[in-house]
Amino acid sequence: MGTNHFSRRAFAMATAALPALAFATSLVIGLVGPAGAVVPSEGAPANVANLTAAATVTPGVTGTGVTPLSADTCSDSICIYVVGSGLNVSSWTTTAVLPTSMCSYAKYLENGVVIATSGVGCGATDYQLSSEWYDPGNFPNGTRLCNEWSGIAGEPCITVHS
């Protein structure tokens, strides 16, 4: 069976439909079905020193009239979406399409080192998992940010620059 890739627009529409609100620094995880239905999935607390917010479901980022800089790319079944200004990252989102009925969790990497993990999400074949880290903060110029999902092929990366 082929792999489905969801467009950035489809992802934004799906995340905008989620019913919760996140504050400060947090990781969120959600599940989007093959027909576009959104199924919330609670996760465990973020696995990072000094990051205390639990993973929750949240709506998409809304604008304030200022368009922030962003970068996105995909590798195999995994995508990365980063929004920020200069060296500050305000939102770091990753999605993965499940190759089979399974559970998985997102890994956030800085220069090849895991700095955060999401809670676990589960779904059927071709479902899309989504995890968002709100306000991960500042990164040095040239930092390489990547995502992996446990048991799923791909590792998309972007480079932070001023």
N, C-alpha and C. Protein backbone atom coordinates (compact mmCIF):
# COMPACT_ATOMS: atom_id res chain seq x y z
N MET A 1 0.85 -1.18 0.00
CA MET A 1 0.00 0.00 0.00
C MET A 1 0.89 1.24 0.00
N GLY A 2 0.56 2.25 -0.79
CA GLY A 2 1.35 3.46 -0.89
C GLY A 2 1.28 4.32 0.36
N THR A 3 2.21 5.25 0.44
CA THR A 3 2.26 6.16 1.58
C THR A 3 1.50 7.43 1.24
N ASN A 4 0.67 7.91 2.15
CA ASN A 4 -0.03 9.18 1.95
C ASN A 4 0.80 10.29 2.56
N HIS A 5 0.94 11.39 1.86
CA HIS A 5 1.59 12.58 2.40
C HIS A 5 0.54 13.67 2.46
N PHE A 6 0.45 14.34 3.58
CA PHE A 6 -0.55 15.38 3.77
C PHE A 6 0.08 16.74 3.51
N SER A 7 -0.63 17.60 2.81
CA SER A 7 -0.12 18.92 2.50
C SER A 7 -0.10 19.79 3.75
N ARG A 8 0.68 20.85 3.71
CA ARG A 8 0.76 21.79 4.83
C ARG A 8 -0.63 22.37 5.10
N ARG A 9 -1.40 22.65 4.02
CA ARG A 9 -2.75 23.20 4.18
C ARG A 9 -3.65 22.21 4.90
N ALA A 10 -3.58 20.92 4.50
CA ALA A 10 -4.40 19.90 5.15
C ALA A 10 -4.03 19.78 6.61
N PHE A 11 -2.72 19.84 6.91
CA PHE A 11 -2.27 19.77 8.29
C PHE A 11 -2.80 20.96 9.08
N ALA A 12 -2.71 22.16 8.51
CA ALA A 12 -3.18 23.36 9.21
C ALA A 12 -4.68 23.28 9.47
N MET A 13 -5.43 22.78 8.49
CA MET A 13 -6.88 22.66 8.67
C MET A 13 -7.20 21.65 9.77
N ALA A 14 -6.46 20.55 9.81
CA ALA A 14 -6.72 19.52 10.82
C ALA A 14 -6.37 20.03 12.21
N THR A 15 -5.22 20.69 12.35
CA THR A 15 -4.83 21.17 13.68
C THR A 15 -5.74 22.29 14.16
N ALA A 16 -6.29 23.09 13.23
CA ALA A 16 -7.20 24.17 13.62
C ALA A 16 -8.50 23.62 14.20
N ALA A 17 -8.83 22.38 13.87
CA ALA A 17 -10.08 21.79 14.35
C ALA A 17 -9.94 21.18 15.74
N LEU A 18 -8.73 21.07 16.25
CA LEU A 18 -8.55 20.46 17.56
C LEU A 18 -9.09 21.34 18.67
N PRO A 19 -9.65 20.75 19.75
CA PRO A 19 -10.44 21.50 20.71
C PRO A 19 -9.74 22.07 21.94
N ALA A 20 -8.44 22.01 22.05
CA ALA A 20 -7.81 22.45 23.30
C ALA A 20 -6.91 23.65 23.06
N LEU A 21 -6.38 24.22 24.12
CA LEU A 21 -5.52 25.39 24.05
C LEU A 21 -4.26 25.13 24.86
N ALA A 22 -3.10 25.49 24.30
CA ALA A 22 -1.85 25.25 25.02
C ALA A 22 -1.25 26.59 25.46
N PHE A 23 -0.56 26.58 26.58
CA PHE A 23 0.09 27.77 27.10
C PHE A 23 1.57 27.50 27.26
N ALA A 24 2.41 28.54 27.04
CA ALA A 24 3.86 28.51 27.26
C ALA A 24 4.49 27.38 26.46
N THR A 25 5.56 26.78 27.00
CA THR A 25 6.28 25.73 26.30
C THR A 25 5.58 24.40 26.52
N SER A 26 5.17 23.76 25.44
CA SER A 26 4.51 22.46 25.57
C SER A 26 4.67 21.65 24.31
N LEU A 27 4.54 20.35 24.44
CA LEU A 27 4.50 19.44 23.31
C LEU A 27 3.07 18.99 23.15
N VAL A 28 2.60 18.90 21.93
CA VAL A 28 1.24 18.44 21.69
C VAL A 28 1.27 17.29 20.70
N ILE A 29 0.29 16.43 20.78
CA ILE A 29 0.20 15.33 19.83
C ILE A 29 -1.25 15.11 19.46
N GLY A 30 -1.49 14.86 18.20
CA GLY A 30 -2.83 14.60 17.73
C GLY A 30 -2.77 13.53 16.65
N LEU A 31 -3.91 13.09 16.20
CA LEU A 31 -3.98 12.02 15.23
C LEU A 31 -4.97 12.42 14.15
N VAL A 32 -4.57 12.35 12.90
CA VAL A 32 -5.45 12.69 11.79
C VAL A 32 -5.68 11.42 10.98
N GLY A 33 -6.93 11.03 10.82
CA GLY A 33 -7.27 9.83 10.09
C GLY A 33 -7.14 10.00 8.59
N PRO A 34 -7.20 8.93 7.82
CA PRO A 34 -7.03 9.01 6.37
C PRO A 34 -8.13 9.81 5.70
N ALA A 35 -9.29 9.94 6.32
CA ALA A 35 -10.37 10.72 5.72
C ALA A 35 -10.37 12.15 6.24
N GLY A 36 -9.37 12.52 7.04
CA GLY A 36 -9.26 13.88 7.55
C GLY A 36 -9.90 14.08 8.90
N ALA A 37 -10.47 13.04 9.51
CA ALA A 37 -11.06 13.18 10.84
C ALA A 37 -9.95 13.35 11.86
N VAL A 38 -10.15 14.21 12.84
CA VAL A 38 -9.15 14.45 13.86
C VAL A 38 -9.52 13.69 15.11
N VAL A 39 -8.56 12.91 15.62
CA VAL A 39 -8.78 12.13 16.84
C VAL A 39 -7.74 12.56 17.85
N PRO A 40 -8.13 13.24 18.95
CA PRO A 40 -7.14 13.66 19.94
C PRO A 40 -6.48 12.46 20.60
N SER A 41 -5.21 12.62 20.95
CA SER A 41 -4.47 11.58 21.64
C SER A 41 -3.63 12.22 22.72
N GLU A 42 -3.86 11.86 23.97
CA GLU A 42 -3.07 12.44 25.05
C GLU A 42 -1.71 11.79 25.08
N GLY A 43 -0.70 12.55 25.45
CA GLY A 43 0.65 12.03 25.55
C GLY A 43 1.20 12.19 26.95
N ALA A 44 2.43 11.76 27.12
CA ALA A 44 3.11 11.86 28.41
C ALA A 44 3.85 13.19 28.48
N PRO A 45 4.31 13.59 29.66
CA PRO A 45 5.07 14.83 29.76
C PRO A 45 6.30 14.80 28.86
N ALA A 46 6.73 15.96 28.43
CA ALA A 46 7.90 16.07 27.57
C ALA A 46 9.11 15.52 28.31
N ASN A 47 10.02 14.90 27.57
CA ASN A 47 11.18 14.26 28.15
C ASN A 47 12.40 15.15 27.97
N VAL A 48 12.40 16.32 28.59
CA VAL A 48 13.48 17.28 28.46
C VAL A 48 13.71 17.93 29.81
N ALA A 49 14.97 18.13 30.15
CA ALA A 49 15.27 18.84 31.39
C ALA A 49 14.68 20.23 31.31
N ASN A 50 14.02 20.67 32.36
CA ASN A 50 13.41 21.99 32.48
C ASN A 50 12.21 22.22 31.57
N LEU A 51 11.69 21.20 30.93
CA LEU A 51 10.48 21.31 30.12
C LEU A 51 9.41 20.53 30.87
N THR A 52 8.48 21.25 31.48
CA THR A 52 7.57 20.60 32.41
C THR A 52 6.15 20.43 31.89
N ALA A 53 5.80 21.06 30.78
CA ALA A 53 4.42 20.98 30.30
C ALA A 53 4.13 19.59 29.73
N ALA A 54 2.93 19.09 29.99
CA ALA A 54 2.52 17.79 29.46
C ALA A 54 2.10 17.94 28.01
N ALA A 55 2.17 16.86 27.27
CA ALA A 55 1.71 16.85 25.89
C ALA A 55 0.18 16.94 25.88
N THR A 56 -0.35 17.83 25.05
CA THR A 56 -1.79 18.00 24.94
C THR A 56 -2.17 18.23 23.49
N VAL A 57 -3.44 18.24 23.20
CA VAL A 57 -3.93 18.54 21.87
C VAL A 57 -4.20 20.03 21.80
N THR A 58 -3.89 20.67 20.67
CA THR A 58 -4.01 22.11 20.56
C THR A 58 -4.43 22.54 19.17
N PRO A 59 -5.01 23.73 19.03
CA PRO A 59 -5.34 24.23 17.69
C PRO A 59 -4.09 24.72 16.97
N GLY A 60 -4.23 25.03 15.68
CA GLY A 60 -3.12 25.53 14.89
C GLY A 60 -2.71 26.92 15.32
N VAL A 61 -1.54 27.35 14.86
CA VAL A 61 -1.02 28.66 15.18
C VAL A 61 -1.86 29.72 14.46
N THR A 62 -2.22 30.78 15.16
CA THR A 62 -2.99 31.85 14.53
C THR A 62 -2.10 33.09 14.39
N GLY A 63 -2.32 33.86 13.36
CA GLY A 63 -1.49 35.01 13.09
C GLY A 63 -1.93 36.26 13.82
N THR A 64 -1.01 37.23 13.89
CA THR A 64 -1.30 38.50 14.53
C THR A 64 -1.07 39.64 13.55
N GLY A 65 -1.05 39.35 12.26
CA GLY A 65 -0.79 40.38 11.27
C GLY A 65 0.66 40.40 10.83
N VAL A 66 1.57 39.80 11.61
CA VAL A 66 2.98 39.71 11.26
C VAL A 66 3.23 38.30 10.78
N THR A 67 3.86 38.18 9.62
CA THR A 67 4.14 36.85 9.09
C THR A 67 5.51 36.40 9.57
N PRO A 68 5.57 35.36 10.43
CA PRO A 68 6.87 34.88 10.91
C PRO A 68 7.58 34.10 9.81
N LEU A 69 8.89 33.92 9.97
CA LEU A 69 9.65 33.11 9.05
C LEU A 69 9.35 31.66 9.35
N SER A 70 9.39 30.83 8.33
CA SER A 70 9.12 29.42 8.56
C SER A 70 9.92 28.57 7.58
N ALA A 71 10.02 27.29 7.94
CA ALA A 71 10.69 26.32 7.07
C ALA A 71 9.98 25.00 7.25
N ASP A 72 9.88 24.23 6.17
CA ASP A 72 9.29 22.90 6.27
C ASP A 72 9.86 22.02 5.18
N THR A 73 9.89 20.73 5.47
CA THR A 73 10.34 19.74 4.51
C THR A 73 9.87 18.36 4.98
N CYS A 74 9.93 17.39 4.09
CA CYS A 74 9.55 16.03 4.43
C CYS A 74 10.64 15.06 4.01
N SER A 75 10.70 13.93 4.70
CA SER A 75 11.60 12.84 4.37
C SER A 75 10.83 11.55 4.59
N ASP A 76 10.64 10.78 3.54
CA ASP A 76 9.81 9.57 3.59
C ASP A 76 8.43 9.93 4.15
N SER A 77 8.04 9.34 5.28
CA SER A 77 6.70 9.56 5.85
C SER A 77 6.66 10.61 6.95
N ILE A 78 7.77 11.31 7.17
CA ILE A 78 7.87 12.28 8.27
C ILE A 78 8.10 13.68 7.72
N CYS A 79 7.40 14.67 8.31
CA CYS A 79 7.58 16.08 7.92
C CYS A 79 7.94 16.91 9.15
N ILE A 80 8.61 18.04 8.91
CA ILE A 80 8.96 18.99 9.94
C ILE A 80 8.48 20.37 9.49
N TYR A 81 7.91 21.14 10.42
CA TYR A 81 7.42 22.50 10.17
C TYR A 81 7.92 23.37 11.32
N VAL A 82 8.73 24.38 11.01
CA VAL A 82 9.29 25.25 12.04
C VAL A 82 8.91 26.69 11.74
N VAL A 83 8.42 27.40 12.76
CA VAL A 83 8.05 28.81 12.63
C VAL A 83 8.85 29.59 13.67
N GLY A 84 9.35 30.76 13.27
CA GLY A 84 10.11 31.58 14.21
C GLY A 84 10.54 32.87 13.57
N SER A 85 11.41 33.56 14.28
CA SER A 85 11.95 34.83 13.81
C SER A 85 13.41 34.89 14.22
N GLY A 86 14.29 35.05 13.24
CA GLY A 86 15.71 35.05 13.56
C GLY A 86 16.10 33.70 14.12
N LEU A 87 16.74 33.70 15.29
CA LEU A 87 17.20 32.46 15.91
C LEU A 87 16.19 31.90 16.90
N ASN A 88 15.04 32.59 17.07
CA ASN A 88 14.01 32.13 17.99
C ASN A 88 12.98 31.27 17.26
N VAL A 89 12.75 30.07 17.77
CA VAL A 89 11.74 29.17 17.22
C VAL A 89 10.51 29.25 18.11
N SER A 90 9.39 29.67 17.54
CA SER A 90 8.16 29.81 18.33
C SER A 90 7.28 28.57 18.24
N SER A 91 7.42 27.78 17.20
CA SER A 91 6.61 26.57 17.04
C SER A 91 7.38 25.57 16.18
N TRP A 92 7.44 24.31 16.66
CA TRP A 92 8.15 23.25 15.95
C TRP A 92 7.20 22.06 15.89
N THR A 93 6.71 21.76 14.70
CA THR A 93 5.73 20.71 14.50
C THR A 93 6.30 19.60 13.63
N THR A 94 5.89 18.38 13.92
CA THR A 94 6.27 17.25 13.09
C THR A 94 5.05 16.36 12.88
N THR A 95 4.98 15.75 11.70
CA THR A 95 3.91 14.80 11.39
C THR A 95 4.53 13.52 10.85
N ALA A 96 3.79 12.43 10.98
CA ALA A 96 4.22 11.14 10.43
C ALA A 96 3.00 10.35 9.99
N VAL A 97 3.09 9.73 8.83
CA VAL A 97 2.03 8.86 8.34
C VAL A 97 2.40 7.43 8.74
N LEU A 98 1.46 6.75 9.41
CA LEU A 98 1.73 5.40 9.91
C LEU A 98 1.77 4.38 8.77
N PRO A 99 2.86 3.59 8.68
CA PRO A 99 2.97 2.59 7.62
C PRO A 99 2.11 1.36 7.89
N THR A 100 1.70 1.19 9.14
CA THR A 100 0.88 0.06 9.56
C THR A 100 0.15 0.47 10.83
N SER A 101 -0.76 -0.31 11.30
CA SER A 101 -1.44 -0.03 12.56
C SER A 101 -0.40 -0.14 13.68
N MET A 102 -0.15 0.96 14.38
CA MET A 102 0.93 0.98 15.36
C MET A 102 0.85 2.19 16.27
N CYS A 103 1.74 2.22 17.26
CA CYS A 103 1.93 3.38 18.13
C CYS A 103 3.32 3.94 17.87
N SER A 104 3.48 5.24 18.04
CA SER A 104 4.76 5.88 17.80
C SER A 104 4.85 7.15 18.63
N TYR A 105 6.06 7.70 18.74
CA TYR A 105 6.25 8.99 19.40
C TYR A 105 7.31 9.77 18.63
N ALA A 106 7.21 11.09 18.71
CA ALA A 106 8.14 11.97 17.99
C ALA A 106 9.40 12.20 18.81
N LYS A 107 10.51 12.35 18.09
CA LYS A 107 11.78 12.73 18.70
C LYS A 107 12.20 14.05 18.06
N TYR A 108 12.58 15.01 18.89
CA TYR A 108 13.07 16.31 18.44
C TYR A 108 14.57 16.32 18.62
N LEU A 109 15.32 16.55 17.52
CA LEU A 109 16.77 16.50 17.57
C LEU A 109 17.39 17.87 17.28
N GLU A 110 18.42 18.19 18.04
CA GLU A 110 19.23 19.39 17.81
C GLU A 110 20.64 18.92 17.50
N ASN A 111 21.11 19.18 16.27
CA ASN A 111 22.43 18.74 15.83
C ASN A 111 22.66 17.25 16.11
N GLY A 112 21.63 16.42 15.85
CA GLY A 112 21.76 14.98 15.99
C GLY A 112 21.51 14.41 17.37
N VAL A 113 21.24 15.27 18.35
CA VAL A 113 21.01 14.83 19.73
C VAL A 113 19.54 15.03 20.08
N VAL A 114 18.89 13.99 20.62
CA VAL A 114 17.49 14.09 21.01
C VAL A 114 17.38 15.04 22.20
N ILE A 115 16.57 16.11 22.04
CA ILE A 115 16.38 17.09 23.12
C ILE A 115 14.97 17.05 23.69
N ALA A 116 14.05 16.35 23.00
CA ALA A 116 12.68 16.23 23.50
C ALA A 116 12.00 15.06 22.81
N THR A 117 11.01 14.49 23.48
CA THR A 117 10.17 13.47 22.87
C THR A 117 8.72 13.81 23.18
N SER A 118 7.82 13.38 22.31
CA SER A 118 6.40 13.61 22.54
C SER A 118 5.80 12.43 23.30
N GLY A 119 4.53 12.55 23.62
CA GLY A 119 3.79 11.41 24.13
C GLY A 119 3.54 10.43 23.00
N VAL A 120 3.05 9.27 23.33
CA VAL A 120 2.78 8.22 22.34
C VAL A 120 1.40 8.42 21.72
N GLY A 121 1.34 8.26 20.40
CA GLY A 121 0.07 8.28 19.68
C GLY A 121 -0.07 6.97 18.92
N CYS A 122 -1.27 6.50 18.76
CA CYS A 122 -1.53 5.23 18.06
C CYS A 122 -2.58 5.44 16.98
N GLY A 123 -2.53 4.61 15.94
CA GLY A 123 -3.53 4.71 14.89
C GLY A 123 -3.42 3.56 13.92
N ALA A 124 -4.33 3.56 12.96
CA ALA A 124 -4.38 2.53 11.93
C ALA A 124 -3.46 2.92 10.76
N THR A 125 -3.28 2.00 9.85
CA THR A 125 -2.48 2.23 8.65
C THR A 125 -2.94 3.50 7.95
N ASP A 126 -1.97 4.32 7.52
CA ASP A 126 -2.18 5.57 6.79
C ASP A 126 -2.73 6.71 7.64
N TYR A 127 -2.89 6.54 8.94
CA TYR A 127 -3.25 7.66 9.80
C TYR A 127 -2.03 8.55 9.95
N GLN A 128 -2.26 9.82 10.25
CA GLN A 128 -1.17 10.78 10.43
C GLN A 128 -1.11 11.19 11.89
N LEU A 129 0.06 11.01 12.50
CA LEU A 129 0.31 11.52 13.85
C LEU A 129 0.92 12.91 13.73
N SER A 130 0.64 13.75 14.71
CA SER A 130 1.15 15.12 14.71
C SER A 130 1.60 15.49 16.11
N SER A 131 2.74 16.12 16.23
CA SER A 131 3.23 16.60 17.52
C SER A 131 3.75 18.01 17.33
N GLU A 132 3.40 18.91 18.24
CA GLU A 132 3.87 20.29 18.15
C GLU A 132 4.50 20.71 19.46
N TRP A 133 5.64 21.37 19.36
CA TRP A 133 6.36 21.91 20.50
C TRP A 133 6.23 23.43 20.41
N TYR A 134 5.46 24.01 21.33
CA TYR A 134 5.28 25.46 21.36
C TYR A 134 6.44 26.11 22.11
N ASP A 135 7.00 27.15 21.52
CA ASP A 135 8.03 27.97 22.13
C ASP A 135 9.25 27.19 22.62
N PRO A 136 9.91 26.44 21.72
CA PRO A 136 11.12 25.74 22.15
C PRO A 136 12.28 26.68 22.44
N GLY A 137 12.21 27.93 21.95
CA GLY A 137 13.21 28.93 22.33
C GLY A 137 14.23 29.28 21.26
N ASN A 138 15.38 29.77 21.72
CA ASN A 138 16.45 30.23 20.84
C ASN A 138 17.44 29.10 20.55
N PHE A 139 17.97 29.11 19.33
CA PHE A 139 18.98 28.15 18.92
C PHE A 139 20.12 28.91 18.27
N PRO A 140 21.36 28.45 18.43
CA PRO A 140 22.50 29.13 17.79
C PRO A 140 22.38 29.10 16.26
N ASN A 141 22.93 30.12 15.62
CA ASN A 141 22.94 30.18 14.16
C ASN A 141 23.58 28.91 13.60
N GLY A 142 22.95 28.31 12.61
CA GLY A 142 23.48 27.10 11.98
C GLY A 142 23.03 25.81 12.64
N THR A 143 22.21 25.89 13.68
CA THR A 143 21.73 24.68 14.34
C THR A 143 20.84 23.88 13.40
N ARG A 144 21.05 22.58 13.38
CA ARG A 144 20.25 21.68 12.54
C ARG A 144 19.17 21.04 13.41
N LEU A 145 17.89 21.32 13.08
CA LEU A 145 16.76 20.75 13.80
C LEU A 145 16.16 19.64 12.95
N CYS A 146 15.96 18.46 13.55
CA CYS A 146 15.43 17.31 12.83
C CYS A 146 14.34 16.62 13.66
N ASN A 147 13.56 15.79 13.00
CA ASN A 147 12.56 14.98 13.68
C ASN A 147 12.68 13.53 13.23
N GLU A 148 12.41 12.64 14.17
CA GLU A 148 12.25 11.21 13.90
C GLU A 148 10.97 10.78 14.61
N TRP A 149 10.38 9.68 14.17
CA TRP A 149 9.26 9.03 14.86
C TRP A 149 9.66 7.59 15.06
N SER A 150 9.43 7.05 16.24
CA SER A 150 9.82 5.66 16.53
C SER A 150 9.12 4.70 15.57
N GLY A 151 9.93 3.85 14.91
CA GLY A 151 9.39 2.83 14.03
C GLY A 151 8.93 3.30 12.67
N ILE A 152 9.19 4.57 12.31
CA ILE A 152 8.73 5.12 11.02
C ILE A 152 9.94 5.69 10.27
N ALA A 153 10.02 5.40 8.98
CA ALA A 153 11.15 5.85 8.16
C ALA A 153 11.11 7.35 7.92
N GLY A 154 12.30 7.97 7.92
CA GLY A 154 12.45 9.37 7.58
C GLY A 154 13.07 10.18 8.70
N GLU A 155 13.78 11.23 8.32
CA GLU A 155 14.35 12.19 9.27
C GLU A 155 14.52 13.53 8.57
N PRO A 156 13.45 14.31 8.49
CA PRO A 156 13.56 15.64 7.86
C PRO A 156 14.29 16.60 8.79
N CYS A 157 15.03 17.53 8.18
CA CYS A 157 15.81 18.51 8.95
C CYS A 157 15.72 19.89 8.31
N ILE A 158 15.84 20.91 9.15
CA ILE A 158 15.97 22.29 8.68
C ILE A 158 17.14 22.90 9.46
N THR A 159 17.66 24.02 8.95
CA THR A 159 18.75 24.71 9.63
C THR A 159 18.28 26.08 10.07
N VAL A 160 18.52 26.41 11.35
CA VAL A 160 18.15 27.71 11.91
C VAL A 160 19.22 28.71 11.49
N HIS A 161 18.78 29.87 11.01
CA HIS A 161 19.75 30.92 10.66
C HIS A 161 19.12 32.29 10.87
N SER A 162 20.00 33.26 11.09
CA SER A 162 19.50 34.63 11.35
C SER A 162 19.31 35.37 10.04
